[in-house]
Amino acid sequence: MIENEIKFKGNVIKYSLTYKKVKNINLRIKPDGTVHVSANKRVPVKVIDEFILSKAEFILNALEKYKNRDIAPLKQYFTEKEIREVILDLCEKVYPYYEKKGIKYPQIKFRKMVSQWGNCRSKEGILTFNLNLMYTPIECIEYVVLHEFTHFFQPNHSILFYDELEKVCPDWKERRKILKTIILK
């Protein structure tokens, strides 16, 4: 990881650069005020600095919002062991709907993730769930399980995906809204 900074209108924007096998330059601003960039190792630092400059107003605005936000301590609903059991139980509970549509029962994995609550690798038949779901209420965990299972029908977030999700989770928008308020540190 490389630490770098640029100057913009009297402000200094510090960022961490990580080289990864990615196609684009990716920007992530965390609630703790850190700025993270990932890019392919073929991209020169000068190009990355230009990218940061092009996003400088957005970055500064986001940092200002995070600075003025009161971050409440996270409420833990489950232990790490319990969240695994809860998710496995939910997967068993919802699976019959997907089984009727020809979906094989997936391999279920768990890990701590930073930027997503779950992940579906439909071609490999693998669902991965974020252990940090232990900080979310049960209705949000149900939403994530249904969301990931629905990716077996639609691997993207198209209208067709949300139409399918709505069949099994009509209030998905409200549940997703709750999830968006939970800020992991």
N, C-alpha and C. Protein backbone atom coordinates (compact mmCIF):
# COMPACT_ATOMS: atom_id res chain seq x y z
N MET A 1 0.85 -1.18 0.00
CA MET A 1 0.00 0.00 0.00
C MET A 1 0.89 1.24 0.00
N ILE A 2 0.53 2.19 -0.82
CA ILE A 2 1.30 3.43 -0.95
C ILE A 2 0.45 4.57 -0.39
N GLU A 3 1.06 5.38 0.47
CA GLU A 3 0.37 6.56 1.00
C GLU A 3 0.76 7.74 0.11
N ASN A 4 -0.23 8.52 -0.30
CA ASN A 4 0.03 9.65 -1.18
C ASN A 4 -0.91 10.78 -0.81
N GLU A 5 -0.64 11.96 -1.35
CA GLU A 5 -1.53 13.10 -1.11
C GLU A 5 -1.46 14.05 -2.29
N ILE A 6 -2.56 14.78 -2.46
CA ILE A 6 -2.61 15.84 -3.48
C ILE A 6 -3.17 17.09 -2.82
N LYS A 7 -2.89 18.22 -3.43
CA LYS A 7 -3.41 19.50 -2.94
C LYS A 7 -4.50 19.98 -3.90
N PHE A 8 -5.59 20.50 -3.31
CA PHE A 8 -6.70 21.00 -4.10
C PHE A 8 -7.32 22.19 -3.37
N LYS A 9 -7.23 23.38 -3.97
CA LYS A 9 -7.82 24.60 -3.42
C LYS A 9 -7.50 24.78 -1.94
N GLY A 10 -6.25 24.62 -1.60
CA GLY A 10 -5.82 24.81 -0.22
C GLY A 10 -6.07 23.63 0.71
N ASN A 11 -6.63 22.58 0.21
CA ASN A 11 -6.87 21.37 1.01
C ASN A 11 -5.88 20.28 0.60
N VAL A 12 -5.55 19.45 1.55
CA VAL A 12 -4.71 18.29 1.27
C VAL A 12 -5.58 17.05 1.37
N ILE A 13 -5.60 16.27 0.30
CA ILE A 13 -6.34 15.01 0.29
C ILE A 13 -5.32 13.89 0.35
N LYS A 14 -5.32 13.19 1.48
CA LYS A 14 -4.42 12.04 1.64
C LYS A 14 -5.18 10.78 1.23
N TYR A 15 -4.48 9.90 0.53
CA TYR A 15 -5.12 8.65 0.16
C TYR A 15 -4.14 7.49 0.18
N SER A 16 -4.70 6.30 0.37
CA SER A 16 -3.92 5.06 0.32
C SER A 16 -4.17 4.41 -1.03
N LEU A 17 -3.11 4.02 -1.69
CA LEU A 17 -3.21 3.39 -3.00
C LEU A 17 -2.81 1.92 -2.89
N THR A 18 -3.69 1.07 -3.38
CA THR A 18 -3.41 -0.36 -3.41
C THR A 18 -3.51 -0.83 -4.85
N TYR A 19 -2.49 -1.54 -5.29
CA TYR A 19 -2.53 -2.09 -6.64
C TYR A 19 -3.21 -3.45 -6.60
N LYS A 20 -4.18 -3.61 -7.51
CA LYS A 20 -4.95 -4.85 -7.61
C LYS A 20 -5.18 -5.17 -9.07
N LYS A 21 -5.67 -6.37 -9.32
CA LYS A 21 -6.04 -6.75 -10.68
C LYS A 21 -7.45 -6.22 -10.95
N VAL A 22 -7.55 -4.94 -11.26
CA VAL A 22 -8.83 -4.30 -11.55
C VAL A 22 -8.74 -3.57 -12.88
N LYS A 23 -9.89 -3.34 -13.49
CA LYS A 23 -9.92 -2.65 -14.79
C LYS A 23 -9.92 -1.13 -14.63
N ASN A 24 -10.58 -0.66 -13.58
CA ASN A 24 -10.76 0.78 -13.38
C ASN A 24 -10.03 1.27 -12.14
N ILE A 25 -9.94 2.56 -12.03
CA ILE A 25 -9.47 3.16 -10.78
C ILE A 25 -10.68 3.23 -9.86
N ASN A 26 -10.57 2.65 -8.67
CA ASN A 26 -11.69 2.60 -7.74
C ASN A 26 -11.40 3.48 -6.52
N LEU A 27 -12.41 4.22 -6.13
CA LEU A 27 -12.31 5.15 -5.01
C LEU A 27 -13.27 4.73 -3.91
N ARG A 28 -12.77 4.71 -2.66
CA ARG A 28 -13.63 4.39 -1.52
C ARG A 28 -13.30 5.38 -0.41
N ILE A 29 -14.33 6.04 0.10
CA ILE A 29 -14.16 6.96 1.22
C ILE A 29 -14.85 6.33 2.41
N LYS A 30 -14.09 6.11 3.46
CA LYS A 30 -14.63 5.40 4.63
C LYS A 30 -15.11 6.41 5.68
N PRO A 31 -16.05 5.96 6.53
CA PRO A 31 -16.59 6.85 7.57
C PRO A 31 -15.54 7.39 8.53
N ASP A 32 -14.41 6.70 8.65
CA ASP A 32 -13.36 7.20 9.54
C ASP A 32 -12.53 8.31 8.90
N GLY A 33 -12.89 8.72 7.67
CA GLY A 33 -12.22 9.83 7.00
C GLY A 33 -11.02 9.42 6.16
N THR A 34 -10.84 8.14 5.96
CA THR A 34 -9.73 7.70 5.11
C THR A 34 -10.21 7.52 3.68
N VAL A 35 -9.30 7.80 2.76
CA VAL A 35 -9.60 7.70 1.34
C VAL A 35 -8.73 6.58 0.78
N HIS A 36 -9.37 5.64 0.11
CA HIS A 36 -8.66 4.48 -0.43
C HIS A 36 -8.89 4.40 -1.93
N VAL A 37 -7.81 4.13 -2.64
CA VAL A 37 -7.86 3.99 -4.09
C VAL A 37 -7.24 2.65 -4.46
N SER A 38 -7.88 1.95 -5.38
CA SER A 38 -7.26 0.74 -5.93
C SER A 38 -7.20 0.92 -7.44
N ALA A 39 -6.10 0.42 -8.00
CA ALA A 39 -5.89 0.55 -9.44
C ALA A 39 -4.97 -0.56 -9.90
N ASN A 40 -4.98 -0.77 -11.20
CA ASN A 40 -4.08 -1.74 -11.80
C ASN A 40 -2.66 -1.20 -11.72
N LYS A 41 -1.68 -2.08 -11.53
CA LYS A 41 -0.29 -1.62 -11.36
C LYS A 41 0.26 -0.95 -12.62
N ARG A 42 -0.42 -1.11 -13.74
CA ARG A 42 0.02 -0.44 -14.97
C ARG A 42 -0.36 1.04 -15.02
N VAL A 43 -1.24 1.45 -14.11
CA VAL A 43 -1.69 2.85 -14.11
C VAL A 43 -0.66 3.71 -13.37
N PRO A 44 -0.09 4.71 -14.04
CA PRO A 44 0.91 5.56 -13.37
C PRO A 44 0.28 6.39 -12.25
N VAL A 45 1.07 6.68 -11.23
CA VAL A 45 0.60 7.48 -10.09
C VAL A 45 0.09 8.83 -10.57
N LYS A 46 0.72 9.40 -11.59
CA LYS A 46 0.28 10.69 -12.13
C LYS A 46 -1.18 10.62 -12.60
N VAL A 47 -1.55 9.52 -13.25
CA VAL A 47 -2.93 9.34 -13.73
C VAL A 47 -3.88 9.19 -12.53
N ILE A 48 -3.42 8.50 -11.52
CA ILE A 48 -4.25 8.32 -10.32
C ILE A 48 -4.45 9.67 -9.62
N ASP A 49 -3.38 10.46 -9.52
CA ASP A 49 -3.51 11.80 -8.93
C ASP A 49 -4.50 12.65 -9.72
N GLU A 50 -4.46 12.56 -11.05
CA GLU A 50 -5.41 13.31 -11.88
C GLU A 50 -6.84 12.84 -11.62
N PHE A 51 -7.00 11.54 -11.44
CA PHE A 51 -8.32 10.98 -11.11
C PHE A 51 -8.81 11.56 -9.78
N ILE A 52 -7.94 11.56 -8.77
CA ILE A 52 -8.30 12.11 -7.45
C ILE A 52 -8.67 13.58 -7.59
N LEU A 53 -7.88 14.33 -8.35
CA LEU A 53 -8.20 15.76 -8.57
C LEU A 53 -9.57 15.92 -9.23
N SER A 54 -9.90 15.05 -10.17
CA SER A 54 -11.19 15.16 -10.84
C SER A 54 -12.35 14.86 -9.88
N LYS A 55 -12.07 14.14 -8.81
CA LYS A 55 -13.09 13.79 -7.81
C LYS A 55 -12.93 14.59 -6.51
N ALA A 56 -12.06 15.60 -6.52
CA ALA A 56 -11.71 16.31 -5.29
C ALA A 56 -12.92 16.93 -4.58
N GLU A 57 -13.78 17.61 -5.32
CA GLU A 57 -14.96 18.24 -4.71
C GLU A 57 -15.83 17.17 -4.01
N PHE A 58 -16.07 16.08 -4.71
CA PHE A 58 -16.86 14.98 -4.16
C PHE A 58 -16.20 14.42 -2.90
N ILE A 59 -14.89 14.20 -2.95
CA ILE A 59 -14.17 13.65 -1.80
C ILE A 59 -14.27 14.59 -0.60
N LEU A 60 -14.01 15.86 -0.82
CA LEU A 60 -14.06 16.83 0.28
C LEU A 60 -15.46 16.92 0.88
N ASN A 61 -16.49 16.90 0.01
CA ASN A 61 -17.87 16.93 0.52
C ASN A 61 -18.18 15.69 1.35
N ALA A 62 -17.75 14.52 0.88
CA ALA A 62 -17.98 13.28 1.62
C ALA A 62 -17.26 13.30 2.95
N LEU A 63 -16.02 13.77 2.95
CA LEU A 63 -15.25 13.84 4.20
C LEU A 63 -15.91 14.79 5.19
N GLU A 64 -16.45 15.88 4.68
CA GLU A 64 -17.14 16.85 5.54
C GLU A 64 -18.40 16.23 6.16
N LYS A 65 -19.16 15.48 5.35
CA LYS A 65 -20.36 14.82 5.86
C LYS A 65 -20.00 13.82 6.96
N TYR A 66 -18.96 13.04 6.72
CA TYR A 66 -18.55 12.05 7.72
C TYR A 66 -18.06 12.74 9.00
N LYS A 67 -17.39 13.87 8.83
CA LYS A 67 -16.86 14.58 9.99
C LYS A 67 -17.99 15.11 10.87
N ASN A 68 -19.09 15.53 10.24
CA ASN A 68 -20.21 16.11 10.98
C ASN A 68 -21.24 15.07 11.42
N ARG A 69 -21.01 13.83 11.13
CA ARG A 69 -21.98 12.79 11.46
C ARG A 69 -21.65 12.16 12.80
N ASP A 70 -22.67 12.02 13.61
CA ASP A 70 -22.49 11.29 14.87
C ASP A 70 -22.64 9.80 14.57
N ILE A 71 -21.60 9.07 14.82
CA ILE A 71 -21.66 7.64 14.59
C ILE A 71 -21.98 6.95 15.90
N ALA A 72 -23.18 6.40 15.94
CA ALA A 72 -23.62 5.70 17.15
C ALA A 72 -22.88 4.36 17.25
N PRO A 73 -22.64 3.92 18.45
CA PRO A 73 -22.02 2.61 18.58
C PRO A 73 -22.92 1.54 17.98
N LEU A 74 -22.30 0.56 17.36
CA LEU A 74 -23.07 -0.50 16.72
C LEU A 74 -23.74 -1.38 17.77
N LYS A 75 -24.98 -1.73 17.48
CA LYS A 75 -25.68 -2.68 18.35
C LYS A 75 -25.41 -4.07 17.79
N GLN A 76 -24.93 -4.95 18.63
CA GLN A 76 -24.66 -6.31 18.20
C GLN A 76 -25.86 -7.19 18.53
N TYR A 77 -26.48 -7.74 17.50
CA TYR A 77 -27.66 -8.58 17.66
C TYR A 77 -27.30 -10.05 17.90
N PHE A 78 -26.17 -10.48 17.34
CA PHE A 78 -25.77 -11.89 17.42
C PHE A 78 -24.26 -11.99 17.63
N THR A 79 -23.82 -13.11 18.16
CA THR A 79 -22.39 -13.40 18.21
C THR A 79 -21.98 -13.92 16.83
N GLU A 80 -20.69 -14.07 16.63
CA GLU A 80 -20.21 -14.59 15.34
C GLU A 80 -20.72 -16.01 15.11
N LYS A 81 -20.73 -16.82 16.15
CA LYS A 81 -21.23 -18.20 16.03
C LYS A 81 -22.73 -18.18 15.72
N GLU A 82 -23.48 -17.33 16.41
CA GLU A 82 -24.93 -17.26 16.20
C GLU A 82 -25.28 -16.79 14.80
N ILE A 83 -24.53 -15.81 14.29
CA ILE A 83 -24.88 -15.26 12.96
C ILE A 83 -24.70 -16.34 11.89
N ARG A 84 -23.70 -17.18 12.06
CA ARG A 84 -23.52 -18.29 11.11
C ARG A 84 -24.75 -19.20 11.13
N GLU A 85 -25.21 -19.53 12.33
CA GLU A 85 -26.38 -20.40 12.47
C GLU A 85 -27.64 -19.74 11.92
N VAL A 86 -27.82 -18.45 12.22
CA VAL A 86 -28.99 -17.72 11.75
C VAL A 86 -29.02 -17.72 10.22
N ILE A 87 -27.89 -17.43 9.60
CA ILE A 87 -27.85 -17.37 8.14
C ILE A 87 -28.08 -18.75 7.53
N LEU A 88 -27.46 -19.77 8.10
CA LEU A 88 -27.67 -21.13 7.59
C LEU A 88 -29.14 -21.54 7.72
N ASP A 89 -29.76 -21.19 8.85
CA ASP A 89 -31.19 -21.49 9.04
C ASP A 89 -32.05 -20.77 8.00
N LEU A 90 -31.73 -19.50 7.75
CA LEU A 90 -32.49 -18.73 6.76
C LEU A 90 -32.31 -19.31 5.36
N CYS A 91 -31.09 -19.73 5.04
CA CYS A 91 -30.84 -20.34 3.73
C CYS A 91 -31.69 -21.60 3.56
N GLU A 92 -31.75 -22.41 4.60
CA GLU A 92 -32.57 -23.64 4.56
C GLU A 92 -34.05 -23.28 4.41
N LYS A 93 -34.46 -22.22 5.09
CA LYS A 93 -35.87 -21.80 5.08
C LYS A 93 -36.31 -21.30 3.71
N VAL A 94 -35.47 -20.51 3.04
CA VAL A 94 -35.87 -19.91 1.76
C VAL A 94 -35.57 -20.82 0.56
N TYR A 95 -34.71 -21.80 0.75
CA TYR A 95 -34.27 -22.62 -0.38
C TYR A 95 -35.39 -23.32 -1.15
N PRO A 96 -36.43 -23.86 -0.50
CA PRO A 96 -37.46 -24.57 -1.28
C PRO A 96 -38.02 -23.74 -2.45
N TYR A 97 -38.16 -22.44 -2.29
CA TYR A 97 -38.64 -21.59 -3.37
C TYR A 97 -37.68 -21.65 -4.56
N TYR A 98 -36.39 -21.59 -4.28
CA TYR A 98 -35.38 -21.58 -5.34
C TYR A 98 -35.17 -22.99 -5.91
N GLU A 99 -35.34 -23.99 -5.07
CA GLU A 99 -35.22 -25.38 -5.52
C GLU A 99 -36.27 -25.69 -6.58
N LYS A 100 -37.50 -25.21 -6.36
CA LYS A 100 -38.59 -25.42 -7.33
C LYS A 100 -38.26 -24.81 -8.69
N LYS A 101 -37.39 -23.82 -8.69
CA LYS A 101 -37.02 -23.14 -9.94
C LYS A 101 -35.72 -23.69 -10.51
N GLY A 102 -35.27 -24.83 -9.95
CA GLY A 102 -34.11 -25.50 -10.53
C GLY A 102 -32.75 -25.08 -9.99
N ILE A 103 -32.72 -24.35 -8.90
CA ILE A 103 -31.45 -23.90 -8.32
C ILE A 103 -30.93 -24.99 -7.37
N LYS A 104 -29.68 -25.39 -7.55
CA LYS A 104 -29.06 -26.35 -6.63
C LYS A 104 -28.69 -25.62 -5.34
N TYR A 105 -28.74 -26.35 -4.22
CA TYR A 105 -28.38 -25.72 -2.95
C TYR A 105 -26.91 -25.29 -3.00
N PRO A 106 -26.65 -24.02 -2.70
CA PRO A 106 -25.28 -23.50 -2.84
C PRO A 106 -24.38 -23.87 -1.66
N GLN A 107 -23.10 -23.72 -1.91
CA GLN A 107 -22.12 -23.78 -0.83
C GLN A 107 -22.21 -22.44 -0.10
N ILE A 108 -22.29 -22.46 1.22
CA ILE A 108 -22.41 -21.23 2.01
C ILE A 108 -21.07 -20.97 2.69
N LYS A 109 -20.58 -19.74 2.50
CA LYS A 109 -19.32 -19.33 3.13
C LYS A 109 -19.55 -18.06 3.95
N PHE A 110 -18.62 -17.81 4.86
CA PHE A 110 -18.70 -16.62 5.72
C PHE A 110 -17.33 -15.96 5.76
N ARG A 111 -17.34 -14.64 5.81
CA ARG A 111 -16.11 -13.89 6.07
C ARG A 111 -16.48 -12.45 6.39
N LYS A 112 -15.54 -11.74 6.96
CA LYS A 112 -15.78 -10.31 7.21
C LYS A 112 -15.44 -9.56 5.94
N MET A 113 -16.38 -8.72 5.52
CA MET A 113 -16.21 -7.94 4.30
C MET A 113 -16.38 -6.47 4.63
N VAL A 114 -15.78 -5.64 3.82
CA VAL A 114 -15.80 -4.21 4.06
C VAL A 114 -16.93 -3.52 3.30
N SER A 115 -17.15 -3.94 2.06
CA SER A 115 -18.03 -3.14 1.22
C SER A 115 -19.30 -3.85 0.76
N GLN A 116 -19.53 -5.06 1.22
CA GLN A 116 -20.76 -5.73 0.82
C GLN A 116 -21.25 -6.65 1.93
N TRP A 117 -22.56 -6.85 1.95
CA TRP A 117 -23.16 -7.69 2.98
C TRP A 117 -23.17 -9.15 2.56
N GLY A 118 -23.16 -9.38 1.27
CA GLY A 118 -23.16 -10.74 0.76
C GLY A 118 -22.66 -10.75 -0.66
N ASN A 119 -22.42 -11.96 -1.16
CA ASN A 119 -21.89 -12.10 -2.50
C ASN A 119 -22.37 -13.42 -3.07
N CYS A 120 -22.75 -13.42 -4.34
CA CYS A 120 -23.18 -14.64 -5.01
C CYS A 120 -22.27 -14.90 -6.20
N ARG A 121 -21.66 -16.06 -6.21
CA ARG A 121 -20.91 -16.50 -7.39
C ARG A 121 -21.77 -17.60 -8.01
N SER A 122 -22.71 -17.17 -8.85
CA SER A 122 -23.74 -18.07 -9.37
C SER A 122 -23.16 -19.21 -10.19
N LYS A 123 -22.14 -18.96 -10.98
CA LYS A 123 -21.57 -20.04 -11.81
C LYS A 123 -20.92 -21.12 -10.96
N GLU A 124 -20.34 -20.72 -9.83
CA GLU A 124 -19.71 -21.70 -8.94
C GLU A 124 -20.68 -22.25 -7.89
N GLY A 125 -21.86 -21.65 -7.77
CA GLY A 125 -22.83 -22.10 -6.78
C GLY A 125 -22.42 -21.77 -5.36
N ILE A 126 -21.86 -20.56 -5.16
CA ILE A 126 -21.35 -20.18 -3.84
C ILE A 126 -22.01 -18.87 -3.39
N LEU A 127 -22.52 -18.88 -2.16
CA LEU A 127 -22.99 -17.65 -1.52
C LEU A 127 -22.04 -17.37 -0.35
N THR A 128 -21.58 -16.13 -0.26
CA THR A 128 -20.72 -15.72 0.85
C THR A 128 -21.44 -14.60 1.59
N PHE A 129 -21.47 -14.73 2.92
CA PHE A 129 -22.15 -13.73 3.75
C PHE A 129 -21.16 -13.06 4.68
N ASN A 130 -21.37 -11.77 4.87
CA ASN A 130 -20.52 -10.96 5.73
C ASN A 130 -20.85 -11.27 7.20
N LEU A 131 -19.84 -11.64 7.95
CA LEU A 131 -20.06 -11.92 9.37
C LEU A 131 -20.52 -10.67 10.13
N ASN A 132 -20.29 -9.50 9.58
CA ASN A 132 -20.74 -8.27 10.21
C ASN A 132 -22.26 -8.12 10.18
N LEU A 133 -22.95 -9.05 9.54
CA LEU A 133 -24.41 -9.05 9.62
C LEU A 133 -24.88 -9.24 11.06
N MET A 134 -23.96 -9.63 11.95
CA MET A 134 -24.32 -9.76 13.36
C MET A 134 -24.71 -8.40 13.97
N TYR A 135 -24.40 -7.32 13.26
CA TYR A 135 -24.76 -5.97 13.72
C TYR A 135 -26.05 -5.46 13.07
N THR A 136 -26.79 -6.36 12.44
CA THR A 136 -28.02 -5.95 11.76
C THR A 136 -29.21 -6.73 12.30
N PRO A 137 -30.40 -6.12 12.26
CA PRO A 137 -31.60 -6.83 12.72
C PRO A 137 -31.95 -7.98 11.76
N ILE A 138 -32.71 -8.91 12.25
CA ILE A 138 -33.04 -10.13 11.50
C ILE A 138 -33.68 -9.84 10.15
N GLU A 139 -34.55 -8.82 10.07
CA GLU A 139 -35.19 -8.54 8.78
C GLU A 139 -34.17 -8.13 7.71
N CYS A 140 -33.07 -7.52 8.12
CA CYS A 140 -32.02 -7.16 7.16
C CYS A 140 -31.23 -8.40 6.74
N ILE A 141 -31.03 -9.30 7.67
CA ILE A 141 -30.32 -10.54 7.34
C ILE A 141 -31.17 -11.36 6.35
N GLU A 142 -32.47 -11.42 6.59
CA GLU A 142 -33.37 -12.11 5.66
C GLU A 142 -33.28 -11.48 4.28
N TYR A 143 -33.28 -10.16 4.22
CA TYR A 143 -33.17 -9.45 2.94
C TYR A 143 -31.88 -9.84 2.21
N VAL A 144 -30.76 -9.86 2.93
CA VAL A 144 -29.48 -10.19 2.30
C VAL A 144 -29.49 -11.63 1.77
N VAL A 145 -30.02 -12.54 2.54
CA VAL A 145 -30.10 -13.94 2.09
C VAL A 145 -30.95 -14.04 0.82
N LEU A 146 -32.13 -13.42 0.83
CA LEU A 146 -33.00 -13.45 -0.35
C LEU A 146 -32.35 -12.75 -1.54
N HIS A 147 -31.70 -11.63 -1.28
CA HIS A 147 -31.00 -10.88 -2.32
C HIS A 147 -29.96 -11.77 -3.01
N GLU A 148 -29.13 -12.42 -2.20
CA GLU A 148 -28.06 -13.25 -2.78
C GLU A 148 -28.62 -14.47 -3.50
N PHE A 149 -29.63 -15.12 -2.96
CA PHE A 149 -30.24 -16.25 -3.65
C PHE A 149 -30.84 -15.81 -4.99
N THR A 150 -31.41 -14.61 -5.03
CA THR A 150 -32.03 -14.11 -6.27
C THR A 150 -31.00 -13.91 -7.36
N HIS A 151 -29.75 -13.71 -6.99
CA HIS A 151 -28.70 -13.57 -8.01
C HIS A 151 -28.50 -14.85 -8.81
N PHE A 152 -28.99 -15.98 -8.33
CA PHE A 152 -28.91 -17.19 -9.15
C PHE A 152 -29.80 -17.07 -10.39
N PHE A 153 -30.85 -16.22 -10.32
CA PHE A 153 -31.70 -15.97 -11.48
C PHE A 153 -31.14 -14.83 -12.34
N GLN A 154 -30.71 -13.79 -11.67
CA GLN A 154 -30.21 -12.59 -12.35
C GLN A 154 -28.89 -12.19 -11.70
N PRO A 155 -27.76 -12.35 -12.40
CA PRO A 155 -26.46 -12.07 -11.78
C PRO A 155 -26.15 -10.58 -11.61
N ASN A 156 -27.04 -9.72 -12.08
CA ASN A 156 -26.79 -8.27 -11.99
C ASN A 156 -27.90 -7.62 -11.17
N HIS A 157 -27.90 -6.30 -11.16
CA HIS A 157 -28.95 -5.56 -10.43
C HIS A 157 -29.88 -4.85 -11.42
N SER A 158 -30.35 -5.60 -12.39
CA SER A 158 -31.25 -5.05 -13.40
C SER A 158 -32.68 -4.99 -12.85
N ILE A 159 -33.56 -4.43 -13.66
CA ILE A 159 -34.98 -4.39 -13.30
C ILE A 159 -35.50 -5.82 -13.10
N LEU A 160 -35.05 -6.74 -13.94
CA LEU A 160 -35.48 -8.14 -13.81
C LEU A 160 -35.08 -8.71 -12.46
N PHE A 161 -33.88 -8.35 -11.99
CA PHE A 161 -33.43 -8.81 -10.68
C PHE A 161 -34.39 -8.33 -9.59
N TYR A 162 -34.67 -7.02 -9.59
CA TYR A 162 -35.53 -6.46 -8.54
C TYR A 162 -36.97 -6.94 -8.67
N ASP A 163 -37.43 -7.22 -9.88
CA ASP A 163 -38.77 -7.81 -10.04
C ASP A 163 -38.82 -9.18 -9.38
N GLU A 164 -37.76 -9.97 -9.57
CA GLU A 164 -37.69 -11.30 -8.96
C GLU A 164 -37.57 -11.20 -7.44
N LEU A 165 -36.74 -10.27 -6.97
CA LEU A 165 -36.56 -10.08 -5.52
C LEU A 165 -37.88 -9.68 -4.86
N GLU A 166 -38.62 -8.83 -5.54
CA GLU A 166 -39.90 -8.35 -4.98
C GLU A 166 -40.90 -9.49 -4.75
N LYS A 167 -40.79 -10.55 -5.53
CA LYS A 167 -41.69 -11.70 -5.35
C LYS A 167 -41.48 -12.37 -3.99
N VAL A 168 -40.25 -12.39 -3.52
CA VAL A 168 -39.95 -13.07 -2.25
C VAL A 168 -39.74 -12.11 -1.09
N CYS A 169 -39.52 -10.83 -1.42
CA CYS A 169 -39.27 -9.82 -0.37
C CYS A 169 -39.89 -8.49 -0.81
N PRO A 170 -41.24 -8.37 -0.69
CA PRO A 170 -41.93 -7.18 -1.19
C PRO A 170 -41.45 -5.87 -0.55
N ASP A 171 -40.94 -5.94 0.68
CA ASP A 171 -40.50 -4.73 1.37
C ASP A 171 -38.97 -4.57 1.34
N TRP A 172 -38.35 -5.06 0.27
CA TRP A 172 -36.89 -5.03 0.19
C TRP A 172 -36.33 -3.62 0.27
N LYS A 173 -37.03 -2.62 -0.24
CA LYS A 173 -36.51 -1.24 -0.21
C LYS A 173 -36.37 -0.74 1.23
N GLU A 174 -37.35 -1.03 2.07
CA GLU A 174 -37.29 -0.60 3.47
C GLU A 174 -36.14 -1.32 4.20
N ARG A 175 -36.00 -2.60 3.93
CA ARG A 175 -34.93 -3.36 4.57
C ARG A 175 -33.55 -2.87 4.13
N ARG A 176 -33.42 -2.58 2.84
CA ARG A 176 -32.15 -2.07 2.33
C ARG A 176 -31.84 -0.70 2.94
N LYS A 177 -32.87 0.10 3.13
CA LYS A 177 -32.69 1.42 3.73
C LYS A 177 -32.11 1.30 5.14
N ILE A 178 -32.59 0.35 5.91
CA ILE A 178 -32.06 0.12 7.27
C ILE A 178 -30.59 -0.29 7.18
N LEU A 179 -30.27 -1.19 6.26
CA LEU A 179 -28.87 -1.63 6.09
C LEU A 179 -27.95 -0.47 5.78
N LYS A 180 -28.41 0.46 4.97
CA LYS A 180 -27.57 1.60 4.58
C LYS A 180 -27.25 2.52 5.75
N THR A 181 -28.03 2.43 6.83
CA THR A 181 -27.75 3.29 7.99
C THR A 181 -26.69 2.68 8.91
N ILE A 182 -26.35 1.42 8.68
CA ILE A 182 -25.38 0.75 9.54
C ILE A 182 -23.98 0.97 8.98
N ILE A 183 -23.18 1.67 9.74
CA ILE A 183 -21.82 2.03 9.30
C ILE A 183 -20.82 1.20 10.08
N LEU A 184 -20.14 0.35 9.36
CA LEU A 184 -19.10 -0.46 9.97
C LEU A 184 -17.81 0.35 10.02
N LYS A 185 -17.12 0.25 11.11
CA LYS A 185 -15.88 1.02 11.25
C LYS A 185 -14.70 0.23 10.76
